[in-house]
Amino acid sequence: MGDIVIVGYRPKPGCEAALLNLVRTHVSELRALGLATDRPPVAMTAQDGTIVEVFEWATGAIAKAHENPDVLAMWGRYAQVCDYVPLRELPEAAQMFAQFVPIDL
């Protein structure tokens, strides 16, 4: 078992579709590099358009990712189309049962 992470990606103006495409291939690319587990990822959209993703890194993969040129390139593509946001910035985070719109991956 690895580490489950939850991350928020707020799309830059006009970049919603490009961000969605990245999210749809993100975990499969990490898996191909041996960095993500087979646990199915979950993605959803917040009220403000932020995409929230939940996935599992393989054991030790977070450190390895920071040295992997393919992952660094992927993160560069993300930086072009979104900003990372802490979950506490989402209105849903203040709710006991936070509700989001599911994204089909």
PDB file of N, CA and C in Angstrom:
ATOM      1  N   MET A   1       0.840  -1.185   0.000  1.00  0.00           N
ATOM      2  CA  MET A   1       0.000   0.000   0.000  1.00  0.00           C
ATOM      3  C   MET A   1       0.881   1.242   0.000  1.00  0.00           C
ATOM      4  N   GLY A   2       0.387   2.264  -0.646  1.00  0.00           N
ATOM      5  CA  GLY A   2       1.140   3.500  -0.748  1.00  0.00           C
ATOM      6  C   GLY A   2       0.505   4.611   0.041  1.00  0.00           C
ATOM      7  N   ASP A   3       0.524   5.797  -0.512  1.00  0.00           N
ATOM      8  CA  ASP A   3      -0.034   6.981   0.122  1.00  0.00           C
ATOM      9  C   ASP A   3      -1.175   7.519  -0.719  1.00  0.00           C
ATOM     10  N   ILE A   4      -2.353   7.645  -0.125  1.00  0.00           N
ATOM     11  CA  ILE A   4      -3.483   8.235  -0.833  1.00  0.00           C
ATOM     12  C   ILE A   4      -3.397   9.748  -0.672  1.00  0.00           C
ATOM     13  N   VAL A   5      -3.551  10.439  -1.797  1.00  0.00           N
ATOM     14  CA  VAL A   5      -3.502  11.895  -1.785  1.00  0.00           C
ATOM     15  C   VAL A   5      -4.786  12.456  -2.387  1.00  0.00           C
ATOM     16  N   ILE A   6      -5.110  13.659  -1.945  1.00  0.00           N
ATOM     17  CA  ILE A   6      -6.234  14.409  -2.490  1.00  0.00           C
ATOM     18  C   ILE A   6      -5.663  15.747  -2.919  1.00  0.00           C
ATOM     19  N   VAL A   7      -5.890  16.114  -4.164  1.00  0.00           N
ATOM     20  CA  VAL A   7      -5.315  17.354  -4.686  1.00  0.00           C
ATOM     21  C   VAL A   7      -6.385  18.149  -5.424  1.00  0.00           C
ATOM     22  N   GLY A   8      -6.300  19.478  -5.311  1.00  0.00           N
ATOM     23  CA  GLY A   8      -7.209  20.371  -6.026  1.00  0.00           C
ATOM     24  C   GLY A   8      -6.481  21.106  -7.127  1.00  0.00           C
ATOM     25  N   TYR A   9      -7.054  21.069  -8.332  1.00  0.00           N
ATOM     26  CA  TYR A   9      -6.492  21.768  -9.493  1.00  0.00           C
ATOM     27  C   TYR A   9      -7.506  22.829  -9.934  1.00  0.00           C
ATOM     28  N   ARG A  10      -7.180  24.094  -9.780  1.00  0.00           N
ATOM     29  CA  ARG A  10      -8.075  25.156 -10.247  1.00  0.00           C
ATOM     30  C   ARG A  10      -7.643  25.569 -11.649  1.00  0.00           C
ATOM     31  N   PRO A  11      -8.513  25.347 -12.646  1.00  0.00           N
ATOM     32  CA  PRO A  11      -8.111  25.662 -14.026  1.00  0.00           C
ATOM     33  C   PRO A  11      -7.888  27.154 -14.243  1.00  0.00           C
ATOM     34  N   LYS A  12      -6.889  27.455 -15.029  1.00  0.00           N
ATOM     35  CA  LYS A  12      -6.680  28.840 -15.454  1.00  0.00           C
ATOM     36  C   LYS A  12      -7.754  29.163 -16.490  1.00  0.00           C
ATOM     37  N   PRO A  13      -8.094  30.448 -16.651  1.00  0.00           N
ATOM     38  CA  PRO A  13      -9.159  30.817 -17.597  1.00  0.00           C
ATOM     39  C   PRO A  13      -8.930  30.217 -18.987  1.00  0.00           C
ATOM     40  N   GLY A  14      -9.975  29.575 -19.497  1.00  0.00           N
ATOM     41  CA  GLY A  14      -9.922  28.978 -20.829  1.00  0.00           C
ATOM     42  C   GLY A  14      -9.198  27.644 -20.902  1.00  0.00           C
ATOM     43  N   CYS A  15      -8.754  27.120 -19.761  1.00  0.00           N
ATOM     44  CA  CYS A  15      -7.964  25.884 -19.759  1.00  0.00           C
ATOM     45  C   CYS A  15      -8.703  24.688 -19.165  1.00  0.00           C
ATOM     46  N   GLU A  16     -10.012  24.810 -18.996  1.00  0.00           N
ATOM     47  CA  GLU A  16     -10.777  23.746 -18.359  1.00  0.00           C
ATOM     48  C   GLU A  16     -10.663  22.415 -19.110  1.00  0.00           C
ATOM     49  N   ALA A  17     -10.815  22.443 -20.412  1.00  0.00           N
ATOM     50  CA  ALA A  17     -10.765  21.204 -21.206  1.00  0.00           C
ATOM     51  C   ALA A  17      -9.373  20.594 -21.185  1.00  0.00           C
ATOM     52  N   ALA A  18      -8.343  21.411 -21.280  1.00  0.00           N
ATOM     53  CA  ALA A  18      -6.974  20.898 -21.250  1.00  0.00           C
ATOM     54  C   ALA A  18      -6.665  20.258 -19.901  1.00  0.00           C
ATOM     55  N   LEU A  19      -7.129  20.879 -18.822  1.00  0.00           N
ATOM     56  CA  LEU A  19      -6.923  20.308 -17.497  1.00  0.00           C
ATOM     57  C   LEU A  19      -7.645  18.978 -17.367  1.00  0.00           C
ATOM     58  N   LEU A  20      -8.864  18.926 -17.826  1.00  0.00           N
ATOM     59  CA  LEU A  20      -9.630  17.687 -17.756  1.00  0.00           C
ATOM     60  C   LEU A  20      -8.914  16.561 -18.499  1.00  0.00           C
ATOM     61  N   ASN A  21      -8.350  16.862 -19.657  1.00  0.00           N
ATOM     62  CA  ASN A  21      -7.594  15.852 -20.417  1.00  0.00           C
ATOM     63  C   ASN A  21      -6.382  15.361 -19.635  1.00  0.00           C
ATOM     64  N   LEU A  22      -5.691  16.259 -18.952  1.00  0.00           N
ATOM     65  CA  LEU A  22      -4.544  15.850 -18.141  1.00  0.00           C
ATOM     66  C   LEU A  22      -4.972  14.944 -16.996  1.00  0.00           C
ATOM     67  N   VAL A  23      -6.054  15.311 -16.331  1.00  0.00           N
ATOM     68  CA  VAL A  23      -6.529  14.515 -15.201  1.00  0.00           C
ATOM     69  C   VAL A  23      -6.927  13.118 -15.663  1.00  0.00           C
ATOM     70  N   ARG A  24      -7.523  13.034 -16.823  1.00  0.00           N
ATOM     71  CA  ARG A  24      -7.976  11.723 -17.319  1.00  0.00           C
ATOM     72  C   ARG A  24      -6.818  10.767 -17.629  1.00  0.00           C
ATOM     73  N   THR A  25      -5.634  11.283 -17.883  1.00  0.00           N
ATOM     74  CA  THR A  25      -4.488  10.417 -18.206  1.00  0.00           C
ATOM     75  C   THR A  25      -3.435  10.376 -17.098  1.00  0.00           C
ATOM     76  N   HIS A  26      -3.590  11.211 -16.111  1.00  0.00           N
ATOM     77  CA  HIS A  26      -2.602  11.390 -15.047  1.00  0.00           C
ATOM     78  C   HIS A  26      -2.184  10.084 -14.382  1.00  0.00           C
ATOM     79  N   VAL A  27      -3.148   9.376 -13.808  1.00  0.00           N
ATOM     80  CA  VAL A  27      -2.810   8.182 -13.032  1.00  0.00           C
ATOM     81  C   VAL A  27      -2.300   7.060 -13.933  1.00  0.00           C
ATOM     82  N   SER A  28      -2.846   6.930 -15.125  1.00  0.00           N
ATOM     83  CA  SER A  28      -2.336   5.875 -16.013  1.00  0.00           C
ATOM     84  C   SER A  28      -0.879   6.140 -16.388  1.00  0.00           C
ATOM     85  N   GLU A  29      -0.511   7.408 -16.556  1.00  0.00           N
ATOM     86  CA  GLU A  29       0.895   7.731 -16.832  1.00  0.00           C
ATOM     87  C   GLU A  29       1.767   7.398 -15.631  1.00  0.00           C
ATOM     88  N   LEU A  30       1.289   7.714 -14.431  1.00  0.00           N
ATOM     89  CA  LEU A  30       2.063   7.374 -13.233  1.00  0.00           C
ATOM     90  C   LEU A  30       2.204   5.863 -13.083  1.00  0.00           C
ATOM     91  N   ARG A  31       1.137   5.136 -13.380  1.00  0.00           N
ATOM     92  CA  ARG A  31       1.200   3.670 -13.300  1.00  0.00           C
ATOM     93  C   ARG A  31       2.230   3.117 -14.284  1.00  0.00           C
ATOM     94  N   ALA A  32       2.261   3.656 -15.485  1.00  0.00           N
ATOM     95  CA  ALA A  32       3.219   3.176 -16.486  1.00  0.00           C
ATOM     96  C   ALA A  32       4.660   3.366 -16.021  1.00  0.00           C
ATOM     97  N   LEU A  33       4.861   4.334 -15.144  1.00  0.00           N
ATOM     98  CA  LEU A  33       6.188   4.599 -14.589  1.00  0.00           C
ATOM     99  C   LEU A  33       6.421   3.849 -13.276  1.00  0.00           C
ATOM    100  N   GLY A  34       5.419   3.077 -12.852  1.00  0.00           N
ATOM    101  CA  GLY A  34       5.527   2.328 -11.599  1.00  0.00           C
ATOM    102  C   GLY A  34       5.351   3.184 -10.363  1.00  0.00           C
ATOM    103  N   LEU A  35       4.691   4.339 -10.512  1.00  0.00           N
ATOM    104  CA  LEU A  35       4.594   5.295  -9.410  1.00  0.00           C
ATOM    105  C   LEU A  35       3.216   5.361  -8.754  1.00  0.00           C
ATOM    106  N   ALA A  36       2.205   4.759  -9.358  1.00  0.00           N
ATOM    107  CA  ALA A  36       0.863   4.758  -8.775  1.00  0.00           C
ATOM    108  C   ALA A  36       0.364   3.325  -8.676  1.00  0.00           C
ATOM    109  N   THR A  37      -0.467   3.080  -7.693  1.00  0.00           N
ATOM    110  CA  THR A  37      -1.017   1.740  -7.496  1.00  0.00           C
ATOM    111  C   THR A  37      -2.181   1.495  -8.451  1.00  0.00           C
ATOM    112  N   ASP A  38      -2.722   0.302  -8.384  1.00  0.00           N
ATOM    113  CA  ASP A  38      -3.881  -0.051  -9.209  1.00  0.00           C
ATOM    114  C   ASP A  38      -5.205   0.412  -8.607  1.00  0.00           C
ATOM    115  N   ARG A  39      -5.157   1.038  -7.439  1.00  0.00           N
ATOM    116  CA  ARG A  39      -6.391   1.546  -6.835  1.00  0.00           C
ATOM    117  C   ARG A  39      -7.029   2.541  -7.811  1.00  0.00           C
ATOM    118  N   PRO A  40      -8.314   2.387  -8.101  1.00  0.00           N
ATOM    119  CA  PRO A  40      -8.957   3.311  -9.047  1.00  0.00           C
ATOM    120  C   PRO A  40      -8.958   4.753  -8.521  1.00  0.00           C
ATOM    121  N   PRO A  41      -8.547   5.696  -9.346  1.00  0.00           N
ATOM    122  CA  PRO A  41      -8.601   7.096  -8.933  1.00  0.00           C
ATOM    123  C   PRO A  41     -10.041   7.607  -8.991  1.00  0.00           C
ATOM    124  N   VAL A  42     -10.273   8.683  -8.283  1.00  0.00           N
ATOM    125  CA  VAL A  42     -11.575   9.353  -8.295  1.00  0.00           C
ATOM    126  C   VAL A  42     -11.311  10.814  -8.614  1.00  0.00           C
ATOM    127  N   ALA A  43     -12.109  11.381  -9.499  1.00  0.00           N
ATOM    128  CA  ALA A  43     -11.996  12.809  -9.821  1.00  0.00           C
ATOM    129  C   ALA A  43     -13.382  13.418  -9.780  1.00  0.00           C
ATOM    130  N   MET A  44     -13.439  14.681  -9.393  1.00  0.00           N
ATOM    131  CA  MET A  44     -14.715  15.370  -9.246  1.00  0.00           C
ATOM    132  C   MET A  44     -14.505  16.864  -9.417  1.00  0.00           C
ATOM    133  N   THR A  45     -15.614  17.565  -9.639  1.00  0.00           N
ATOM    134  CA  THR A  45     -15.553  19.010  -9.826  1.00  0.00           C
ATOM    135  C   THR A  45     -16.256  19.702  -8.669  1.00  0.00           C
ATOM    136  N   ALA A  46     -15.609  20.744  -8.149  1.00  0.00           N
ATOM    137  CA  ALA A  46     -16.186  21.573  -7.099  1.00  0.00           C
ATOM    138  C   ALA A  46     -17.070  22.651  -7.717  1.00  0.00           C
ATOM    139  N   GLN A  47     -17.819  23.336  -6.870  1.00  0.00           N
ATOM    140  CA  GLN A  47     -18.725  24.389  -7.338  1.00  0.00           C
ATOM    141  C   GLN A  47     -18.009  25.469  -8.135  1.00  0.00           C
ATOM    142  N   ASP A  48     -16.767  25.776  -7.753  1.00  0.00           N
ATOM    143  CA  ASP A  48     -16.041  26.849  -8.431  1.00  0.00           C
ATOM    144  C   ASP A  48     -15.259  26.374  -9.659  1.00  0.00           C
ATOM    145  N   GLY A  49     -15.439  25.100 -10.041  1.00  0.00           N
ATOM    146  CA  GLY A  49     -14.757  24.563 -11.216  1.00  0.00           C
ATOM    147  C   GLY A  49     -13.443  23.870 -10.918  1.00  0.00           C
ATOM    148  N   THR A  50     -12.998  23.911  -9.667  1.00  0.00           N
ATOM    149  CA  THR A  50     -11.780  23.207  -9.286  1.00  0.00           C
ATOM    150  C   THR A  50     -11.991  21.706  -9.432  1.00  0.00           C
ATOM    151  N   ILE A  51     -11.013  21.032  -9.999  1.00  0.00           N
ATOM    152  CA  ILE A  51     -11.070  19.577 -10.101  1.00  0.00           C
ATOM    153  C   ILE A  51     -10.328  19.003  -8.901  1.00  0.00           C
ATOM    154  N   VAL A  52     -10.974  18.077  -8.228  1.00  0.00           N
ATOM    155  CA  VAL A  52     -10.381  17.391  -7.084  1.00  0.00           C
ATOM    156  C   VAL A  52     -10.109  15.953  -7.512  1.00  0.00           C
ATOM    157  N   GLU A  53      -8.885  15.503  -7.262  1.00  0.00           N
ATOM    158  CA  GLU A  53      -8.502  14.143  -7.638  1.00  0.00           C
ATOM    159  C   GLU A  53      -8.007  13.403  -6.401  1.00  0.00           C
ATOM    160  N   VAL A  54      -8.380  12.134  -6.306  1.00  0.00           N
ATOM    161  CA  VAL A  54      -7.922  11.250  -5.236  1.00  0.00           C
ATOM    162  C   VAL A  54      -7.263  10.049  -5.910  1.00  0.00           C
ATOM    163  N   PHE A  55      -6.013   9.789  -5.533  1.00  0.00           N
ATOM    164  CA  PHE A  55      -5.326   8.629  -6.099  1.00  0.00           C
ATOM    165  C   PHE A  55      -4.283   8.138  -5.105  1.00  0.00           C
ATOM    166  N   GLU A  56      -3.689   6.984  -5.419  1.00  0.00           N
ATOM    167  CA  GLU A  56      -2.712   6.396  -4.507  1.00  0.00           C
ATOM    168  C   GLU A  56      -1.344   6.266  -5.170  1.00  0.00           C
ATOM    169  N   TRP A  57      -0.363   6.920  -4.555  1.00  0.00           N
ATOM    170  CA  TRP A  57       1.024   6.744  -4.962  1.00  0.00           C
ATOM    171  C   TRP A  57       1.492   5.369  -4.506  1.00  0.00           C
ATOM    172  N   ALA A  58       2.362   4.741  -5.257  1.00  0.00           N
ATOM    173  CA  ALA A  58       3.010   3.508  -4.824  1.00  0.00           C
ATOM    174  C   ALA A  58       3.960   3.842  -3.669  1.00  0.00           C
ATOM    175  N   THR A  59       4.305   2.849  -2.875  1.00  0.00           N
ATOM    176  CA  THR A  59       5.212   3.053  -1.755  1.00  0.00           C
ATOM    177  C   THR A  59       6.534   3.660  -2.234  1.00  0.00           C
ATOM    178  N   GLY A  60       6.910   4.770  -1.638  1.00  0.00           N
ATOM    179  CA  GLY A  60       8.160   5.446  -1.985  1.00  0.00           C
ATOM    180  C   GLY A  60       8.125   6.255  -3.267  1.00  0.00           C
ATOM    181  N   ALA A  61       6.987   6.282  -3.951  1.00  0.00           N
ATOM    182  CA  ALA A  61       6.921   6.917  -5.269  1.00  0.00           C
ATOM    183  C   ALA A  61       6.935   8.437  -5.233  1.00  0.00           C
ATOM    184  N   ILE A  62       6.470   9.027  -4.151  1.00  0.00           N
ATOM    185  CA  ILE A  62       6.437  10.495  -4.098  1.00  0.00           C
ATOM    186  C   ILE A  62       7.859  11.044  -4.236  1.00  0.00           C
ATOM    187  N   ALA A  63       8.782  10.493  -3.497  1.00  0.00           N
ATOM    188  CA  ALA A  63      10.176  10.953  -3.591  1.00  0.00           C
ATOM    189  C   ALA A  63      10.750  10.678  -4.981  1.00  0.00           C
ATOM    190  N   LYS A  64      10.455   9.498  -5.522  1.00  0.00           N
ATOM    191  CA  LYS A  64      10.958   9.139  -6.853  1.00  0.00           C
ATOM    192  C   LYS A  64      10.409  10.082  -7.923  1.00  0.00           C
ATOM    193  N   ALA A  65       9.150  10.494  -7.763  1.00  0.00           N
ATOM    194  CA  ALA A  65       8.513  11.362  -8.758  1.00  0.00           C
ATOM    195  C   ALA A  65       9.266  12.682  -8.908  1.00  0.00           C
ATOM    196  N   HIS A  66       9.797  13.197  -7.818  1.00  0.00           N
ATOM    197  CA  HIS A  66      10.503  14.474  -7.853  1.00  0.00           C
ATOM    198  C   HIS A  66      11.832  14.406  -8.598  1.00  0.00           C
ATOM    199  N   GLU A  67      12.261  13.194  -8.956  1.00  0.00           N
ATOM    200  CA  GLU A  67      13.502  13.019  -9.699  1.00  0.00           C
ATOM    201  C   GLU A  67      13.268  12.453 -11.098  1.00  0.00           C
ATOM    202  N   ASN A  68      12.003  12.211 -11.434  1.00  0.00           N
ATOM    203  CA  ASN A  68      11.678  11.559 -12.707  1.00  0.00           C
ATOM    204  C   ASN A  68      11.383  12.622 -13.774  1.00  0.00           C
ATOM    205  N   PRO A  69      12.145  12.650 -14.863  1.00  0.00           N
ATOM    206  CA  PRO A  69      11.935  13.677 -15.887  1.00  0.00           C
ATOM    207  C   PRO A  69      10.554  13.617 -16.534  1.00  0.00           C
ATOM    208  N   ASP A  70       9.966  12.425 -16.657  1.00  0.00           N
ATOM    209  CA  ASP A  70       8.623  12.329 -17.234  1.00  0.00           C
ATOM    210  C   ASP A  70       7.582  12.961 -16.311  1.00  0.00           C
ATOM    211  N   VAL A  71       7.727  12.746 -15.028  1.00  0.00           N
ATOM    212  CA  VAL A  71       6.797  13.340 -14.066  1.00  0.00           C
ATOM    213  C   VAL A  71       6.994  14.852 -14.005  1.00  0.00           C
ATOM    214  N   LEU A  72       8.228  15.288 -14.013  1.00  0.00           N
ATOM    215  CA  LEU A  72       8.491  16.726 -13.992  1.00  0.00           C
ATOM    216  C   LEU A  72       7.890  17.406 -15.226  1.00  0.00           C
ATOM    217  N   ALA A  73       7.965  16.741 -16.371  1.00  0.00           N
ATOM    218  CA  ALA A  73       7.356  17.284 -17.592  1.00  0.00           C
ATOM    219  C   ALA A  73       5.841  17.333 -17.452  1.00  0.00           C
ATOM    220  N   MET A  74       5.262  16.281 -16.855  1.00  0.00           N
ATOM    221  CA  MET A  74       3.818  16.252 -16.641  1.00  0.00           C
ATOM    222  C   MET A  74       3.406  17.405 -15.729  1.00  0.00           C
ATOM    223  N   TRP A  75       4.144  17.605 -14.655  1.00  0.00           N
ATOM    224  CA  TRP A  75       3.833  18.700 -13.740  1.00  0.00           C
ATOM    225  C   TRP A  75       3.959  20.049 -14.433  1.00  0.00           C
ATOM    226  N   GLY A  76       4.872  20.160 -15.387  1.00  0.00           N
ATOM    227  CA  GLY A  76       4.987  21.386 -16.169  1.00  0.00           C
ATOM    228  C   GLY A  76       3.739  21.632 -17.002  1.00  0.00           C
ATOM    229  N   ARG A  77       3.172  20.559 -17.560  1.00  0.00           N
ATOM    230  CA  ARG A  77       1.927  20.700 -18.333  1.00  0.00           C
ATOM    231  C   ARG A  77       0.785  21.135 -17.412  1.00  0.00           C
ATOM    232  N   TYR A  78       0.741  20.587 -16.214  1.00  0.00           N
ATOM    233  CA  TYR A  78      -0.272  21.015 -15.247  1.00  0.00           C
ATOM    234  C   TYR A  78      -0.110  22.498 -14.918  1.00  0.00           C
ATOM    235  N   ALA A  79       1.116  22.934 -14.698  1.00  0.00           N
ATOM    236  CA  ALA A  79       1.370  24.334 -14.337  1.00  0.00           C
ATOM    237  C   ALA A  79       0.897  25.305 -15.410  1.00  0.00           C
ATOM    238  N   GLN A  80       0.866  24.853 -16.653  1.00  0.00           N
ATOM    239  CA  GLN A  80       0.401  25.715 -17.741  1.00  0.00           C
ATOM    240  C   GLN A  80      -1.112  25.922 -17.709  1.00  0.00           C
ATOM    241  N   VAL A  81      -1.853  24.960 -17.146  1.00  0.00           N
ATOM    242  CA  VAL A  81      -3.315  25.022 -17.249  1.00  0.00           C
ATOM    243  C   VAL A  81      -4.045  25.161 -15.922  1.00  0.00           C
ATOM    244  N   CYS A  82      -3.314  25.082 -14.782  1.00  0.00           N
ATOM    245  CA  CYS A  82      -4.015  25.178 -13.504  1.00  0.00           C
ATOM    246  C   CYS A  82      -3.100  25.676 -12.401  1.00  0.00           C
ATOM    247  N   ASP A  83      -3.745  26.004 -11.296  1.00  0.00           N
ATOM    248  CA  ASP A  83      -3.045  26.296 -10.049  1.00  0.00           C
ATOM    249  C   ASP A  83      -3.466  25.234  -9.046  1.00  0.00           C
ATOM    250  N   TYR A  84      -2.535  24.792  -8.221  1.00  0.00           N
ATOM    251  CA  TYR A  84      -2.870  23.841  -7.165  1.00  0.00           C
ATOM    252  C   TYR A  84      -3.480  24.629  -6.013  1.00  0.00           C
ATOM    253  N   VAL A  85      -4.562  24.121  -5.452  1.00  0.00           N
ATOM    254  CA  VAL A  85      -5.216  24.828  -4.349  1.00  0.00           C
ATOM    255  C   VAL A  85      -5.440  23.876  -3.175  1.00  0.00           C
ATOM    256  N   PRO A  86      -5.265  24.385  -1.951  1.00  0.00           N
ATOM    257  CA  PRO A  86      -5.566  23.560  -0.790  1.00  0.00           C
ATOM    258  C   PRO A  86      -7.066  23.300  -0.709  1.00  0.00           C
ATOM    259  N   LEU A  87      -7.427  22.147  -0.235  1.00  0.00           N
ATOM    260  CA  LEU A  87      -8.845  21.786  -0.147  1.00  0.00           C
ATOM    261  C   LEU A  87      -9.631  22.772   0.705  1.00  0.00           C
ATOM    262  N   ARG A  88      -9.007  23.368   1.707  1.00  0.00           N
ATOM    263  CA  ARG A  88      -9.715  24.297   2.593  1.00  0.00           C
ATOM    264  C   ARG A  88     -10.251  25.522   1.843  1.00  0.00           C
ATOM    265  N   GLU A  89      -9.724  25.786   0.635  1.00  0.00           N
ATOM    266  CA  GLU A  89     -10.220  26.915  -0.159  1.00  0.00           C
ATOM    267  C   GLU A  89     -11.529  26.604  -0.879  1.00  0.00           C
ATOM    268  N   LEU A  90     -11.923  25.362  -0.903  1.00  0.00           N
ATOM    269  CA  LEU A  90     -13.158  24.985  -1.584  1.00  0.00           C
ATOM    270  C   LEU A  90     -14.338  25.150  -0.638  1.00  0.00           C
ATOM    271  N   PRO A  91     -15.422  25.763  -1.098  1.00  0.00           N
ATOM    272  CA  PRO A  91     -16.601  25.930  -0.237  1.00  0.00           C
ATOM    273  C   PRO A  91     -17.093  24.595   0.336  1.00  0.00           C
ATOM    274  N   GLU A  92     -16.960  23.545  -0.432  1.00  0.00           N
ATOM    275  CA  GLU A  92     -17.414  22.230   0.008  1.00  0.00           C
ATOM    276  C   GLU A  92     -16.685  21.757   1.269  1.00  0.00           C
ATOM    277  N   ALA A  93     -15.458  22.211   1.463  1.00  0.00           N
ATOM    278  CA  ALA A  93     -14.660  21.754   2.602  1.00  0.00           C
ATOM    279  C   ALA A  93     -15.262  22.180   3.937  1.00  0.00           C
ATOM    280  N   ALA A  94     -16.125  23.173   3.933  1.00  0.00           N
ATOM    281  CA  ALA A  94     -16.758  23.636   5.166  1.00  0.00           C
ATOM    282  C   ALA A  94     -17.986  22.801   5.526  1.00  0.00           C
ATOM    283  N   GLN A  95     -18.388  21.913   4.655  1.00  0.00           N
ATOM    284  CA  GLN A  95     -19.594  21.107   4.873  1.00  0.00           C
ATOM    285  C   GLN A  95     -19.246  19.772   5.531  1.00  0.00           C
ATOM    286  N   MET A  96     -20.164  19.297   6.362  1.00  0.00           N
ATOM    287  CA  MET A  96     -19.973  17.993   6.997  1.00  0.00           C
ATOM    288  C   MET A  96     -19.869  16.890   5.939  1.00  0.00           C
ATOM    289  N   PHE A  97     -20.737  16.961   4.928  1.00  0.00           N
ATOM    290  CA  PHE A  97     -20.726  16.006   3.826  1.00  0.00           C
ATOM    291  C   PHE A  97     -20.484  16.802   2.550  1.00  0.00           C
ATOM    292  N   ALA A  98     -19.224  16.928   2.185  1.00  0.00           N
ATOM    293  CA  ALA A  98     -18.870  17.693   1.001  1.00  0.00           C
ATOM    294  C   ALA A  98     -19.345  16.960  -0.253  1.00  0.00           C
ATOM    295  N   GLN A  99     -20.053  17.672  -1.109  1.00  0.00           N
ATOM    296  CA  GLN A  99     -20.588  17.067  -2.337  1.00  0.00           C
ATOM    297  C   GLN A  99     -19.924  17.688  -3.549  1.00  0.00           C
ATOM    298  N   PHE A 100     -19.578  16.808  -4.507  1.00  0.00           N
ATOM    299  CA  PHE A 100     -18.920  17.239  -5.736  1.00  0.00           C
ATOM    300  C   PHE A 100     -19.599  16.551  -6.907  1.00  0.00           C
ATOM    301  N   VAL A 101     -19.355  17.061  -8.115  1.00  0.00           N
ATOM    302  CA  VAL A 101     -19.884  16.444  -9.332  1.00  0.00           C
ATOM    303  C   VAL A 101     -18.832  15.458  -9.844  1.00  0.00           C
ATOM    304  N   PRO A 102     -19.198  14.174 -10.012  1.00  0.00           N
ATOM    305  CA  PRO A 102     -18.203  13.197 -10.453  1.00  0.00           C
ATOM    306  C   PRO A 102     -17.729  13.442 -11.883  1.00  0.00           C
ATOM    307  N   ILE A 103     -16.482  13.064 -12.137  1.00  0.00           N
ATOM    308  CA  ILE A 103     -15.892  13.101 -13.469  1.00  0.00           C
ATOM    309  C   ILE A 103     -15.622  11.664 -13.885  1.00  0.00           C
ATOM    310  N   ASP A 104     -16.053  11.304 -15.059  1.00  0.00           N
ATOM    311  CA  ASP A 104     -15.747   9.972 -15.585  1.00  0.00           C
ATOM    312  C   ASP A 104     -14.306   9.951 -16.064  1.00  0.00           C
ATOM    313  N   LEU A 105     -13.554   9.021 -15.529  1.00  0.00           N
ATOM    314  CA  LEU A 105     -12.150   8.870 -15.942  1.00  0.00           C
ATOM    315  C   LEU A 105     -12.069   7.770 -16.925  1.00  0.00           C
TER     316      LEU A 105
END
